[in-house]
Amino acid sequence: METPVHSHIDLQTLCRMKAQGAKFAMLTAYDHPTAVAAERAGVHALLVGDSLACVVLGHASTRDAPLDLMVTLAEAVRRGAPRVYLVGDLPFACTVGGAATVVEGARRFRDEAGCDGVKYEAPSDKAAVVEALASAGFETIAHLGLRPQTVTSPDGYRAQARDAGAIRQLVRDARRMVTAGAAMILLEAVPAEASEAVVEAVSVPVIGCGAGPACDGHVLVTQDMLGIGSIRPPRFVPRYADLGEQMVAAMRRWVREIADRTYPAPEHVYPMRRTDAGG
């Protein structure tokens, strides 16, 4: 059943849902049609993620996501889903130049694309960057746990915080980021025990990406859950559809109908205008 979004969802909406014990749903989106469908479906938040480098552009690493393209696509997503909470993912190229470059990237997501917030893959020693973003007025999601920008190939993706000491460090990092001004925390690929500890330790919403049921909201890469593309999804992704195979089947039918001259049929051809019998 569709659960349409009737009014714009903002940070206060998500904080209120957390306080009420209601979970929110987040997906990635890289184009206008996907955004339209997500808003119609009642998705609360959309992420224009740097995962587009892999699932859209075919690169082996999220490091290859270009900021210019991400801003353009975020603008298209905003047009398609004007009411969702929209997040721009600060790409690797944007983060290597220091706090000033990160803040400039965030400004572009906000001013050019209409994003509500930005996501930053936050190393333990980069709380100052989160502070710079927050001080400049950006609603910032600090991404902890597995940080794909530190990995150059999907083969290197590994779950994080899988022992007591690592969980304690994750909690310290989460607290540090919230103190620096993070509006939300995103945890990727950590055990349920780790996300439980973080949710208990911080007051802001915690978004899980393969992080267990304690999180206040959950995010998936849309292509993964719909079965589109050639990348094997991680274990935490449920496959709700197999659109990739449906696309192949439809294209095969098109090729076959061209070959056997079934297409174009009369209904696919424009007729001549009718004229008077006398010419």
Foldseek 3Di string as FASTA:
>chain_A
DADADDAADAQVNLLVCVVVVHAAEEEEDQAQVVLLVCRRRPHAEYELELCCCCFPVNAFASLPRDLVSSLVSLLRSCVNHVRHQYEYEQHPVQPVVDLVSSLVSQCSNCPRRNHQAYEYADDLPRLVSLLSNVVVPHQYEHEDFFDRNVPRGPVPGDGFDADDVRLVVRLVSLVSNVVSPHQEYEYERYEQVSVQSNPVRDSHFYEYDNHDDPGRYYYDHVCQQAQADDDPDDPVHHNPHNVNVVVVVVVVVVVVCVVVVVPPDPVVDDDDDDDDPVD
